[in-house]
Each structure stands twice: as C-alpha cells, then as structure tokens.
Amino acid sequence: MKKLLALLVLTPALASAAGGPATARVKLETTKGVIVLELDAAKSPITVSNFLAYVKSGFYDGTIIHRVIPGFMIQGGGFTPKMDEKPTSGTIVNEAANGLSNLRGTVAMARTPDPNSASAQFFVNLVNNTFLDRAKAPDGFGYCVFGKVIEGMNVVDAIASVPTGAVGQYQNVPSQPVTIQKASVLTGAKTMSAKRPAAPAPGQPQPR
C-alpha cells in the first residue's frame, strides 16, 4: 500500500499528565550519516509514543529512505532495500491540530488519504511546507508534526541530493539505497495507548 505524506518545553505537571517527559531524542544512523531527532511528546503524545515503540522494537533498522523529492521532503520508515513494505502494528489518530507547523527540519507522519492512517512511515521537511498544516490542508486534517532535526540536517540535505528514479509503481526512489542502519532512543519517553477514533473523513492526496 502506498503511503502518502502522506517543540517545546512543558511544565512538569503537564509533562507528567502526558505520561512521560516532554521531549525525547532518537538517533538515526544512516548510510549518509547520523541524524538526531527531538520529539515533542507534550504536543504529540500518541504519535511520539507510537514512533518510539517502533524505534525500540528495531522496526526501522535496515529500512530505507524510499522517497526523495528535492525542495519538498525525504520519506522513510516503511520499506526494505528491495522495496518490500514492512507490516505495521496498526494506525494512530492524527494529532496535526497540535499547533506544530511543517517547517524545514521538522519530522512528520506519512499517511494515506485517510487522515488517521499513519503507522510507521515518516518524513522530514526540506523546506517550509506549511500547506501540509491542519490550518491550510485541503482535507481539513493535515500532516502531524511530532519533532524536529536537531543534529544532522546536513545529512538530510545530502540525502535530498541523491539521484532518484522509478522502481515499479514507486517514484522518486533513490538509485542507490539510503539505509537507516539503526534507530535508537537517546532519551526515553513512556509509551502510551494510541487509540484510533471512528469515522475519519476522506482526505485529499497531497504528498505521496
């Protein structure tokens, strides 16, 4: 199934209410270098919990950055180097109403036209893609930002410059695999329940 594409300090009381620390950090060791993400568990508790669960399980290890569009985004977290899509554990609610914007260097969840279909795939914005924000999204939902790159944006930009082509039905695939060799948590956050709401409205495809 194709995936579309698809910060901040909180008071101790609010952080505790969210079930864990306000931020967590994840290191992505790629074949192009290291990228460190800071995740906003205060603003995106369900999304961060879901992402950390995949990181801790080793799900992302050996997956690739399978979609690269210069001037837009890089996307990964779902495919093997042979372009086989990995099975996921389910979908989560869209938290795009959290007030975080799809600015350069932010990380957000990829999804299908179903606004609440995000599972494991994510993308990093290469530029300010505010049209993906809930306030401006044609589907009224947008794409949930849940963190930002705090180290290795030069690595992200290097990935964005690799040659790409088509592989079967998939476009914008790097000609030479860019692999996430290992994803690891640098600062932990407690995982929480990620229940999905009923009856989401259909969305308009944007980045895919």
N, C-alpha and C. Protein backbone atom coordinates (compact mmCIF):
# COMPACT_ATOMS: atom_id res chain seq x y z
N MET A 1 0.85 -1.19 0.00
CA MET A 1 0.00 0.00 0.00
C MET A 1 0.88 1.23 0.00
N LYS A 2 0.53 2.13 -0.90
CA LYS A 2 1.31 3.37 -0.96
C LYS A 2 1.04 4.20 0.29
N LYS A 3 2.08 4.85 0.73
CA LYS A 3 1.94 5.78 1.83
C LYS A 3 2.00 7.20 1.31
N LEU A 4 1.08 8.00 1.75
CA LEU A 4 1.13 9.41 1.44
C LEU A 4 1.82 10.11 2.60
N LEU A 5 2.36 11.19 2.23
CA LEU A 5 2.86 12.01 3.30
C LEU A 5 1.73 12.59 4.10
N ALA A 6 2.06 10.68 2.70
CA ALA A 6 1.17 11.04 3.35
C ALA A 6 1.58 11.40 2.64
N LEU A 7 7.62 22.81 20.43
CA LEU A 7 8.66 21.81 20.24
C LEU A 7 9.50 22.06 21.48
N LEU A 8 9.19 21.38 22.40
CA LEU A 8 8.83 22.54 23.20
C LEU A 8 8.76 22.11 24.66
N VAL A 9 9.03 23.03 25.54
CA VAL A 9 9.10 22.65 26.94
C VAL A 9 7.74 22.86 27.59
N LEU A 10 7.33 21.87 28.39
CA LEU A 10 6.06 21.94 29.08
C LEU A 10 6.35 21.96 30.57
N THR A 11 5.40 22.40 31.36
CA THR A 11 5.59 22.37 32.80
C THR A 11 5.66 20.93 33.25
N PRO A 12 6.32 20.66 34.40
CA PRO A 12 6.40 19.28 34.89
C PRO A 12 5.04 18.64 35.07
N ALA A 13 4.06 19.41 35.51
CA ALA A 13 2.73 18.84 35.73
C ALA A 13 2.12 18.35 34.44
N LEU A 14 2.24 19.16 33.37
CA LEU A 14 1.67 18.76 32.10
C LEU A 14 2.44 17.61 31.48
N ALA A 15 3.75 17.64 31.63
CA ALA A 15 4.55 16.54 31.10
C ALA A 15 4.17 15.24 31.77
N SER A 16 3.94 15.29 33.08
CA SER A 16 3.53 14.10 33.80
C SER A 16 2.19 13.60 33.34
N ALA A 17 1.28 14.54 33.06
CA ALA A 17 -0.05 14.16 32.60
C ALA A 17 0.02 13.47 31.26
N ALA A 18 1.01 13.81 30.44
CA ALA A 18 1.16 13.19 29.13
C ALA A 18 1.71 11.78 29.24
N GLY A 19 2.17 11.37 30.44
CA GLY A 19 2.63 10.01 30.63
C GLY A 19 4.13 9.84 30.50
N GLY A 20 4.87 10.92 30.36
CA GLY A 20 6.31 10.80 30.21
C GLY A 20 6.94 12.16 30.07
N PRO A 21 8.25 12.22 29.81
CA PRO A 21 8.93 13.50 29.64
C PRO A 21 8.41 14.25 28.43
N ALA A 22 8.59 15.58 28.44
CA ALA A 22 8.05 16.41 27.36
C ALA A 22 8.76 16.18 26.04
N THR A 23 10.02 15.77 26.07
CA THR A 23 10.76 15.53 24.83
C THR A 23 11.54 14.23 24.94
N ALA A 24 11.85 13.68 23.79
CA ALA A 24 12.71 12.50 23.70
C ALA A 24 13.57 12.68 22.46
N ARG A 25 14.70 12.02 22.42
CA ARG A 25 15.59 12.13 21.27
C ARG A 25 15.86 10.75 20.67
N VAL A 26 15.88 10.72 19.35
CA VAL A 26 16.14 9.49 18.62
C VAL A 26 17.28 9.72 17.64
N LYS A 27 18.22 8.79 17.62
CA LYS A 27 19.34 8.86 16.68
C LYS A 27 19.09 7.90 15.53
N LEU A 28 19.17 8.42 14.31
CA LEU A 28 19.07 7.61 13.10
C LEU A 28 20.45 7.52 12.48
N GLU A 29 21.02 6.34 12.49
CA GLU A 29 22.32 6.11 11.86
C GLU A 29 22.07 5.63 10.44
N THR A 30 22.38 6.48 9.47
CA THR A 30 22.11 6.15 8.07
C THR A 30 23.41 5.96 7.30
N THR A 31 23.30 5.46 6.10
CA THR A 31 24.48 5.29 5.25
C THR A 31 25.02 6.62 4.76
N LYS A 32 24.32 7.71 5.03
CA LYS A 32 24.80 9.05 4.67
C LYS A 32 25.27 9.84 5.89
N GLY A 33 25.10 9.27 7.09
CA GLY A 33 25.49 9.98 8.29
C GLY A 33 24.42 9.88 9.37
N VAL A 34 24.66 10.57 10.47
CA VAL A 34 23.78 10.50 11.64
C VAL A 34 22.81 11.68 11.67
N ILE A 35 21.56 11.38 11.97
CA ILE A 35 20.52 12.39 12.15
C ILE A 35 19.95 12.20 13.55
N VAL A 36 19.84 13.28 14.31
CA VAL A 36 19.23 13.22 15.63
C VAL A 36 17.92 14.00 15.62
N LEU A 37 16.87 13.34 16.06
CA LEU A 37 15.55 13.95 16.13
C LEU A 37 15.19 14.25 17.58
N GLU A 38 14.58 15.40 17.81
CA GLU A 38 13.98 15.70 19.11
C GLU A 38 12.48 15.62 18.94
N LEU A 39 11.84 14.76 19.71
CA LEU A 39 10.41 14.50 19.58
C LEU A 39 9.64 15.24 20.66
N ASP A 40 8.50 15.80 20.27
CA ASP A 40 7.69 16.59 21.19
C ASP A 40 6.54 15.75 21.73
N ALA A 41 6.81 15.07 22.83
CA ALA A 41 5.79 14.22 23.44
C ALA A 41 4.70 15.03 24.12
N ALA A 42 4.97 16.29 24.42
CA ALA A 42 3.94 17.13 25.04
C ALA A 42 2.86 17.51 24.04
N LYS A 43 3.28 17.85 22.81
CA LYS A 43 2.33 18.28 21.79
C LYS A 43 1.76 17.09 20.99
N SER A 44 2.52 16.01 20.89
CA SER A 44 2.12 14.86 20.05
C SER A 44 2.31 13.55 20.82
N PRO A 45 1.63 13.38 21.93
CA PRO A 45 1.91 12.22 22.79
C PRO A 45 1.66 10.87 22.13
N ILE A 46 0.56 10.75 21.39
CA ILE A 46 0.25 9.46 20.76
C ILE A 46 1.25 9.16 19.65
N THR A 47 1.55 10.17 18.84
CA THR A 47 2.47 9.99 17.72
C THR A 47 3.87 9.65 18.20
N VAL A 48 4.35 10.36 19.21
CA VAL A 48 5.68 10.10 19.74
C VAL A 48 5.75 8.71 20.37
N SER A 49 4.73 8.35 21.13
CA SER A 49 4.70 7.02 21.73
C SER A 49 4.76 5.93 20.67
N ASN A 50 4.00 6.12 19.61
CA ASN A 50 3.97 5.16 18.51
C ASN A 50 5.34 5.06 17.84
N PHE A 51 5.95 6.21 17.55
CA PHE A 51 7.26 6.24 16.89
C PHE A 51 8.32 5.57 17.76
N LEU A 52 8.31 5.89 19.05
CA LEU A 52 9.29 5.30 19.96
C LEU A 52 9.13 3.79 20.07
N ALA A 53 7.89 3.33 20.02
CA ALA A 53 7.65 1.88 20.08
C ALA A 53 8.29 1.18 18.88
N TYR A 54 8.16 1.80 17.70
CA TYR A 54 8.80 1.22 16.51
C TYR A 54 10.32 1.28 16.63
N VAL A 55 10.84 2.39 17.14
CA VAL A 55 12.29 2.51 17.31
C VAL A 55 12.81 1.42 18.26
N LYS A 56 12.15 1.28 19.41
CA LYS A 56 12.62 0.33 20.42
C LYS A 56 12.51 -1.11 19.96
N SER A 57 11.57 -1.39 19.08
CA SER A 57 11.39 -2.76 18.58
C SER A 57 12.40 -3.12 17.49
N GLY A 58 13.15 -2.12 16.99
CA GLY A 58 14.09 -2.37 15.91
C GLY A 58 13.45 -2.34 14.53
N PHE A 59 12.20 -1.90 14.46
CA PHE A 59 11.46 -1.90 13.20
C PHE A 59 12.18 -1.12 12.10
N TYR A 60 12.74 0.03 12.46
CA TYR A 60 13.34 0.90 11.44
C TYR A 60 14.73 0.44 10.99
N ASP A 61 15.36 -0.43 11.77
CA ASP A 61 16.71 -0.88 11.43
C ASP A 61 16.69 -1.64 10.10
N GLY A 62 17.48 -1.17 9.15
CA GLY A 62 17.54 -1.82 7.85
C GLY A 62 16.52 -1.33 6.85
N THR A 63 15.65 -0.40 7.25
CA THR A 63 14.72 0.20 6.29
C THR A 63 15.43 1.31 5.52
N ILE A 64 14.78 1.80 4.49
CA ILE A 64 15.41 2.79 3.63
C ILE A 64 14.63 4.10 3.60
N ILE A 65 15.32 5.14 3.16
CA ILE A 65 14.64 6.37 2.75
C ILE A 65 14.19 6.09 1.32
N HIS A 66 12.91 5.83 1.16
CA HIS A 66 12.43 5.31 -0.12
C HIS A 66 11.85 6.38 -1.05
N ARG A 67 11.74 7.60 -0.56
CA ARG A 67 11.16 8.65 -1.39
C ARG A 67 11.88 9.96 -1.11
N VAL A 68 12.45 10.54 -2.16
CA VAL A 68 13.22 11.78 -2.04
C VAL A 68 12.75 12.76 -3.10
N ILE A 69 12.27 13.93 -2.66
CA ILE A 69 11.85 14.97 -3.58
C ILE A 69 12.54 16.27 -3.17
N PRO A 70 13.59 16.68 -3.90
CA PRO A 70 14.29 17.92 -3.55
C PRO A 70 13.32 19.10 -3.51
N GLY A 71 13.54 19.98 -2.55
CA GLY A 71 12.66 21.13 -2.40
C GLY A 71 11.34 20.79 -1.75
N PHE A 72 11.22 19.56 -1.24
CA PHE A 72 9.97 19.15 -0.59
C PHE A 72 10.26 18.34 0.67
N MET A 73 10.59 17.04 0.53
CA MET A 73 10.79 16.21 1.70
C MET A 73 11.55 14.94 1.35
N ILE A 74 12.03 14.24 2.40
CA ILE A 74 12.52 12.87 2.27
C ILE A 74 11.65 12.00 3.17
N GLN A 75 11.34 10.79 2.71
CA GLN A 75 10.40 9.93 3.42
C GLN A 75 10.99 8.54 3.61
N GLY A 76 10.76 7.96 4.78
CA GLY A 76 11.26 6.63 5.05
C GLY A 76 10.48 5.94 6.14
N GLY A 77 11.05 4.79 6.56
CA GLY A 77 10.46 4.08 7.69
C GLY A 77 9.48 3.00 7.35
N GLY A 78 9.44 2.54 6.08
CA GLY A 78 8.44 1.54 5.76
C GLY A 78 8.87 0.44 4.81
N PHE A 79 10.00 0.63 4.12
CA PHE A 79 10.39 -0.31 3.08
C PHE A 79 11.79 -0.87 3.30
N THR A 80 11.99 -2.10 2.83
CA THR A 80 13.31 -2.72 2.82
C THR A 80 14.06 -2.27 1.57
N PRO A 81 15.37 -2.54 1.48
CA PRO A 81 16.11 -2.16 0.27
C PRO A 81 15.56 -2.79 -1.01
N LYS A 82 14.80 -3.87 -0.90
CA LYS A 82 14.18 -4.49 -2.08
C LYS A 82 12.80 -3.90 -2.38
N MET A 83 12.45 -2.83 -1.68
CA MET A 83 11.16 -2.15 -1.83
C MET A 83 9.99 -3.04 -1.44
N ASP A 84 10.23 -3.89 -0.45
CA ASP A 84 9.14 -4.64 0.17
C ASP A 84 8.64 -3.83 1.36
N GLU A 85 7.33 -3.61 1.43
CA GLU A 85 6.78 -2.83 2.53
C GLU A 85 6.65 -3.69 3.77
N LYS A 86 7.13 -3.16 4.90
CA LYS A 86 7.08 -3.92 6.15
C LYS A 86 5.70 -3.82 6.78
N PRO A 87 5.20 -4.92 7.35
CA PRO A 87 3.91 -4.87 8.04
C PRO A 87 4.02 -4.05 9.32
N THR A 88 2.98 -3.31 9.63
CA THR A 88 2.98 -2.45 10.82
C THR A 88 1.95 -2.96 11.83
N SER A 89 1.94 -2.34 12.99
CA SER A 89 1.08 -2.80 14.08
C SER A 89 -0.25 -2.07 14.16
N GLY A 90 -0.57 -1.25 13.19
CA GLY A 90 -1.84 -0.54 13.22
C GLY A 90 -1.65 0.94 12.97
N THR A 91 -2.74 1.69 13.03
CA THR A 91 -2.71 3.12 12.74
C THR A 91 -3.04 3.93 13.98
N ILE A 92 -2.77 5.22 13.90
CA ILE A 92 -2.97 6.10 15.06
C ILE A 92 -3.79 7.32 14.67
N VAL A 93 -4.29 7.99 15.68
CA VAL A 93 -5.05 9.22 15.48
C VAL A 93 -4.14 10.32 14.96
N ASN A 94 -4.67 11.17 14.11
CA ASN A 94 -3.93 12.31 13.55
C ASN A 94 -3.91 13.45 14.57
N GLU A 95 -2.71 13.82 15.03
CA GLU A 95 -2.56 14.89 16.01
C GLU A 95 -2.11 16.20 15.37
N ALA A 96 -2.45 16.42 14.11
CA ALA A 96 -1.99 17.61 13.40
C ALA A 96 -2.55 18.91 13.96
N ALA A 97 -3.53 18.82 14.86
CA ALA A 97 -4.08 20.03 15.49
C ALA A 97 -3.25 20.48 16.69
N ASN A 98 -2.03 19.98 16.80
CA ASN A 98 -1.19 20.28 17.97
C ASN A 98 -0.49 21.63 17.91
N GLY A 99 -0.65 22.36 16.81
CA GLY A 99 -0.04 23.68 16.71
C GLY A 99 1.36 23.69 16.12
N LEU A 100 1.94 22.52 15.85
CA LEU A 100 3.26 22.45 15.24
C LEU A 100 3.14 22.53 13.73
N SER A 101 4.05 23.26 13.10
CA SER A 101 3.98 23.52 11.66
C SER A 101 5.03 22.72 10.90
N ASN A 102 4.69 22.37 9.65
CA ASN A 102 5.61 21.63 8.78
C ASN A 102 6.68 22.56 8.20
N LEU A 103 7.58 22.99 9.06
CA LEU A 103 8.68 23.87 8.67
C LEU A 103 9.91 23.04 8.32
N ARG A 104 10.87 23.68 7.67
CA ARG A 104 12.12 22.99 7.32
C ARG A 104 12.72 22.34 8.56
N GLY A 105 13.09 21.08 8.42
CA GLY A 105 13.74 20.36 9.51
C GLY A 105 12.81 19.65 10.46
N THR A 106 11.51 19.86 10.31
CA THR A 106 10.58 19.14 11.17
C THR A 106 10.32 17.75 10.62
N VAL A 107 9.92 16.85 11.51
CA VAL A 107 9.60 15.48 11.13
C VAL A 107 8.11 15.26 11.38
N ALA A 108 7.45 14.63 10.41
CA ALA A 108 6.00 14.43 10.48
C ALA A 108 5.65 13.03 10.00
N MET A 109 4.42 12.62 10.29
CA MET A 109 3.98 11.28 9.90
C MET A 109 3.41 11.27 8.49
N ALA A 110 3.79 10.24 7.74
CA ALA A 110 3.19 9.98 6.44
C ALA A 110 1.88 9.22 6.64
N ARG A 111 1.00 9.32 5.65
CA ARG A 111 -0.29 8.63 5.75
C ARG A 111 -0.89 8.47 4.37
N THR A 112 -2.03 7.77 4.31
CA THR A 112 -2.82 7.64 3.09
C THR A 112 -3.86 8.76 3.08
N PRO A 113 -4.82 8.77 2.14
CA PRO A 113 -5.85 9.81 2.18
C PRO A 113 -6.70 9.78 3.46
N ASP A 114 -6.72 8.65 4.14
CA ASP A 114 -7.39 8.57 5.43
C ASP A 114 -6.58 9.37 6.45
N PRO A 115 -7.14 10.43 7.02
CA PRO A 115 -6.36 11.28 7.93
C PRO A 115 -5.78 10.55 9.13
N ASN A 116 -6.41 9.44 9.52
CA ASN A 116 -5.96 8.70 10.70
C ASN A 116 -5.32 7.37 10.33
N SER A 117 -4.54 7.38 9.27
CA SER A 117 -3.93 6.15 8.77
C SER A 117 -2.43 6.05 9.01
N ALA A 118 -1.84 7.02 9.70
CA ALA A 118 -0.39 6.97 9.94
C ALA A 118 -0.03 5.74 10.76
N SER A 119 1.10 5.13 10.42
CA SER A 119 1.56 3.98 11.19
C SER A 119 3.05 4.13 11.51
N ALA A 120 3.92 3.81 10.56
CA ALA A 120 5.36 3.85 10.84
C ALA A 120 6.12 4.84 9.97
N GLN A 121 5.64 5.10 8.76
CA GLN A 121 6.40 5.95 7.85
C GLN A 121 6.37 7.41 8.28
N PHE A 122 7.48 8.08 8.06
CA PHE A 122 7.64 9.48 8.46
C PHE A 122 8.39 10.23 7.37
N PHE A 123 8.37 11.55 7.46
CA PHE A 123 9.13 12.35 6.51
C PHE A 123 9.75 13.54 7.21
N VAL A 124 10.82 14.06 6.61
CA VAL A 124 11.48 15.27 7.09
C VAL A 124 11.27 16.35 6.04
N ASN A 125 10.75 17.48 6.47
CA ASN A 125 10.52 18.61 5.56
C ASN A 125 11.84 19.28 5.19
N LEU A 126 12.07 19.42 3.89
CA LEU A 126 13.28 20.08 3.40
C LEU A 126 13.13 21.59 3.33
N VAL A 127 11.90 22.05 3.24
CA VAL A 127 11.57 23.48 3.18
C VAL A 127 10.34 23.69 4.05
N ASN A 128 9.90 24.94 4.14
CA ASN A 128 8.67 25.22 4.88
C ASN A 128 7.47 24.77 4.05
N ASN A 129 6.87 23.66 4.44
CA ASN A 129 5.71 23.10 3.74
C ASN A 129 4.44 23.36 4.54
N THR A 130 4.14 24.62 4.76
CA THR A 130 3.01 24.95 5.62
C THR A 130 1.66 24.56 5.03
N PHE A 131 1.61 24.27 3.73
CA PHE A 131 0.36 23.81 3.14
C PHE A 131 -0.03 22.43 3.66
N LEU A 132 0.90 21.75 4.34
CA LEU A 132 0.60 20.47 4.95
C LEU A 132 0.02 20.61 6.35
N ASP A 133 0.03 21.83 6.89
CA ASP A 133 -0.51 22.05 8.23
C ASP A 133 -2.03 21.91 8.24
N ARG A 134 -2.56 21.56 9.38
CA ARG A 134 -4.01 21.40 9.51
C ARG A 134 -4.77 22.65 9.07
N ALA A 135 -4.25 23.81 9.44
CA ALA A 135 -4.97 25.06 9.15
C ALA A 135 -5.09 25.34 7.66
N LYS A 136 -4.16 24.79 6.85
CA LYS A 136 -4.16 25.08 5.42
C LYS A 136 -4.47 23.86 4.56
N ALA A 137 -4.58 22.70 5.16
CA ALA A 137 -4.75 21.47 4.39
C ALA A 137 -6.13 21.40 3.74
N PRO A 138 -6.19 21.07 2.45
CA PRO A 138 -7.48 20.96 1.76
C PRO A 138 -8.41 19.94 2.40
N ASP A 139 -7.83 18.90 3.02
CA ASP A 139 -8.69 17.87 3.63
C ASP A 139 -9.13 18.23 5.04
N GLY A 140 -8.64 19.36 5.56
CA GLY A 140 -9.05 19.79 6.89
C GLY A 140 -8.34 19.09 8.03
N PHE A 141 -7.39 18.22 7.70
CA PHE A 141 -6.69 17.47 8.74
C PHE A 141 -5.19 17.77 8.76
N GLY A 142 -4.54 17.71 7.63
CA GLY A 142 -3.11 17.98 7.57
C GLY A 142 -2.26 16.80 8.01
N TYR A 143 -0.96 17.06 8.13
CA TYR A 143 0.02 16.05 8.46
C TYR A 143 0.69 16.40 9.79
N CYS A 144 0.71 15.44 10.69
CA CYS A 144 1.14 15.69 12.06
C CYS A 144 2.65 15.81 12.21
N VAL A 145 3.10 16.98 12.62
CA VAL A 145 4.50 17.19 13.01
C VAL A 145 4.65 16.70 14.45
N PHE A 146 5.70 15.93 14.71
CA PHE A 146 5.91 15.43 16.07
C PHE A 146 7.34 15.62 16.56
N GLY A 147 8.14 16.35 15.81
CA GLY A 147 9.51 16.60 16.24
C GLY A 147 10.29 17.39 15.21
N LYS A 148 11.59 17.45 15.42
CA LYS A 148 12.45 18.21 14.51
C LYS A 148 13.86 17.63 14.53
N VAL A 149 14.59 17.91 13.48
CA VAL A 149 16.01 17.53 13.40
C VAL A 149 16.81 18.53 14.22
N ILE A 150 17.59 18.04 15.17
CA ILE A 150 18.44 18.94 15.96
C ILE A 150 19.92 18.73 15.65
N GLU A 151 20.25 17.63 15.00
CA GLU A 151 21.61 17.38 14.51
C GLU A 151 21.51 16.62 13.19
N GLY A 152 22.37 16.98 12.25
CA GLY A 152 22.45 16.23 11.01
C GLY A 152 21.54 16.72 9.90
N MET A 153 21.15 17.99 9.95
CA MET A 153 20.35 18.50 8.83
C MET A 153 21.17 18.50 7.55
N ASN A 154 22.49 18.59 7.69
CA ASN A 154 23.36 18.46 6.51
C ASN A 154 23.26 17.06 5.90
N VAL A 155 23.04 16.07 6.75
CA VAL A 155 22.84 14.70 6.26
C VAL A 155 21.51 14.60 5.52
N VAL A 156 20.48 15.21 6.09
CA VAL A 156 19.17 15.25 5.42
C VAL A 156 19.31 15.88 4.04
N ASP A 157 20.02 17.01 3.97
CA ASP A 157 20.21 17.69 2.68
C ASP A 157 21.02 16.84 1.71
N ALA A 158 21.99 16.08 2.24
CA ALA A 158 22.77 15.19 1.37
C ALA A 158 21.88 14.09 0.80
N ILE A 159 21.00 13.56 1.61
CA ILE A 159 20.06 12.55 1.13
C ILE A 159 19.15 13.15 0.06
N ALA A 160 18.76 14.40 0.27
CA ALA A 160 17.86 15.07 -0.68
C ALA A 160 18.49 15.27 -2.04
N SER A 161 19.81 15.17 -2.12
CA SER A 161 20.51 15.43 -3.38
C SER A 161 20.85 14.16 -4.17
N VAL A 162 20.48 12.99 -3.65
CA VAL A 162 20.85 11.76 -4.35
C VAL A 162 20.00 11.56 -5.60
N PRO A 163 20.54 10.90 -6.63
CA PRO A 163 19.75 10.61 -7.82
C PRO A 163 18.59 9.67 -7.49
N THR A 164 17.48 9.86 -8.15
CA THR A 164 16.30 9.04 -7.91
C THR A 164 15.70 8.55 -9.22
N GLY A 165 14.81 7.59 -9.12
CA GLY A 165 14.11 7.07 -10.29
C GLY A 165 12.90 6.27 -9.86
N ALA A 166 12.31 5.57 -10.80
CA ALA A 166 11.13 4.75 -10.52
C ALA A 166 11.55 3.31 -10.26
N VAL A 167 10.88 2.69 -9.29
CA VAL A 167 11.03 1.27 -9.02
C VAL A 167 9.63 0.68 -8.98
N GLY A 168 9.24 0.01 -10.05
CA GLY A 168 7.88 -0.49 -10.13
C GLY A 168 6.89 0.66 -10.08
N GLN A 169 5.94 0.58 -9.17
CA GLN A 169 4.92 1.61 -9.03
C GLN A 169 5.40 2.83 -8.25
N TYR A 170 6.58 2.76 -7.68
CA TYR A 170 7.06 3.82 -6.80
C TYR A 170 7.97 4.80 -7.53
N GLN A 171 7.73 6.07 -7.31
CA GLN A 171 8.51 7.15 -7.91
C GLN A 171 9.46 7.76 -6.88
N ASN A 172 10.47 8.49 -7.38
CA ASN A 172 11.37 9.25 -6.52
C ASN A 172 12.16 8.38 -5.54
N VAL A 173 12.48 7.17 -5.96
CA VAL A 173 13.24 6.23 -5.14
C VAL A 173 14.73 6.44 -5.39
N PRO A 174 15.55 6.60 -4.35
CA PRO A 174 16.99 6.75 -4.56
C PRO A 174 17.57 5.61 -5.40
N SER A 175 18.41 5.96 -6.37
CA SER A 175 19.00 4.96 -7.25
C SER A 175 19.90 4.00 -6.49
N GLN A 176 20.59 4.51 -5.47
CA GLN A 176 21.36 3.68 -4.55
C GLN A 176 20.69 3.78 -3.18
N PRO A 177 20.39 2.65 -2.54
CA PRO A 177 19.65 2.71 -1.27
C PRO A 177 20.32 3.59 -0.22
N VAL A 178 19.52 4.42 0.42
CA VAL A 178 19.94 5.16 1.60
C VAL A 178 19.28 4.45 2.78
N THR A 179 20.09 3.76 3.56
CA THR A 179 19.56 2.86 4.58
C THR A 179 19.65 3.46 5.98
N ILE A 180 18.59 3.26 6.76
CA ILE A 180 18.64 3.54 8.19
C ILE A 180 19.24 2.29 8.84
N GLN A 181 20.51 2.34 9.15
CA GLN A 181 21.18 1.16 9.69
C GLN A 181 20.71 0.84 11.09
N LYS A 182 20.48 1.89 11.88
CA LYS A 182 19.99 1.69 13.24
C LYS A 182 19.28 2.94 13.73
N ALA A 183 18.16 2.73 14.42
CA ALA A 183 17.45 3.82 15.10
C ALA A 183 17.46 3.50 16.59
N SER A 184 17.83 4.48 17.41
CA SER A 184 17.91 4.23 18.85
C SER A 184 17.44 5.45 19.63
N VAL A 185 16.90 5.19 20.82
CA VAL A 185 16.40 6.25 21.68
C VAL A 185 17.54 6.78 22.53
N LEU A 186 17.74 8.10 22.50
CA LEU A 186 18.77 8.73 23.32
C LEU A 186 18.20 9.18 24.65
N THR A 187 16.96 9.66 24.64
CA THR A 187 16.26 9.99 25.88
C THR A 187 14.89 9.38 25.79
N GLY A 188 14.50 8.62 26.77
CA GLY A 188 13.27 7.83 26.68
C GLY A 188 12.02 8.62 26.96
N ALA A 189 10.92 8.07 26.51
CA ALA A 189 9.59 8.57 26.83
C ALA A 189 8.70 7.37 27.00
N LYS A 190 7.84 7.43 27.99
CA LYS A 190 6.95 6.32 28.29
C LYS A 190 5.95 6.12 27.17
N THR A 191 5.76 4.88 26.72
CA THR A 191 4.78 4.61 25.68
C THR A 191 3.38 4.65 26.26
N MET A 192 2.43 5.06 25.41
CA MET A 192 1.05 5.21 25.84
C MET A 192 0.13 4.57 24.85
N SER A 193 -1.13 4.43 25.23
CA SER A 193 -2.13 3.87 24.32
C SER A 193 -2.34 4.80 23.15
N ALA A 194 -2.47 4.25 21.95
CA ALA A 194 -2.65 5.04 20.74
C ALA A 194 -3.94 4.60 20.05
N LYS A 195 -5.07 4.96 20.64
CA LYS A 195 -6.35 4.53 20.11
C LYS A 195 -6.77 5.40 18.93
N ARG A 196 -7.42 4.77 17.98
CA ARG A 196 -7.86 5.45 16.77
C ARG A 196 -9.33 5.85 16.89
N PRO A 197 -9.69 7.08 16.48
CA PRO A 197 -11.08 7.49 16.53
C PRO A 197 -11.88 6.89 15.38
N ALA A 198 -13.19 6.93 15.50
CA ALA A 198 -14.04 6.34 14.47
C ALA A 198 -14.33 7.33 13.36
N ALA A 199 -14.69 6.80 12.20
CA ALA A 199 -15.24 7.53 11.06
C ALA A 199 -14.44 8.75 10.64
N PRO A 200 -13.17 8.60 10.24
CA PRO A 200 -12.44 9.75 9.71
C PRO A 200 -12.97 10.15 8.35
N ALA A 201 -12.91 11.43 8.04
CA ALA A 201 -13.35 11.91 6.73
C ALA A 201 -12.29 11.59 5.69
N PRO A 202 -12.67 11.37 4.43
CA PRO A 202 -11.67 11.13 3.39
C PRO A 202 -10.82 12.35 3.16
N GLY A 203 -9.54 12.15 2.88
CA GLY A 203 -8.63 13.27 2.67
C GLY A 203 -8.25 13.42 1.22
N GLN A 204 -7.78 14.57 0.86
CA GLN A 204 -7.28 14.81 -0.49
C GLN A 204 -5.80 14.47 -0.55
N PRO A 205 -5.38 13.61 -1.48
CA PRO A 205 -3.96 13.28 -1.55
C PRO A 205 -3.11 14.53 -1.76
N GLN A 206 -2.07 14.65 -0.99
CA GLN A 206 -1.11 15.73 -1.16
C GLN A 206 0.25 15.10 -1.46
N PRO A 207 1.17 15.05 -0.49
CA PRO A 207 2.43 14.37 -0.78
C PRO A 207 2.19 12.88 -0.71
N ARG A 208 2.71 12.12 -1.62
CA ARG A 208 2.53 10.67 -1.55
C ARG A 208 3.77 9.95 -2.05
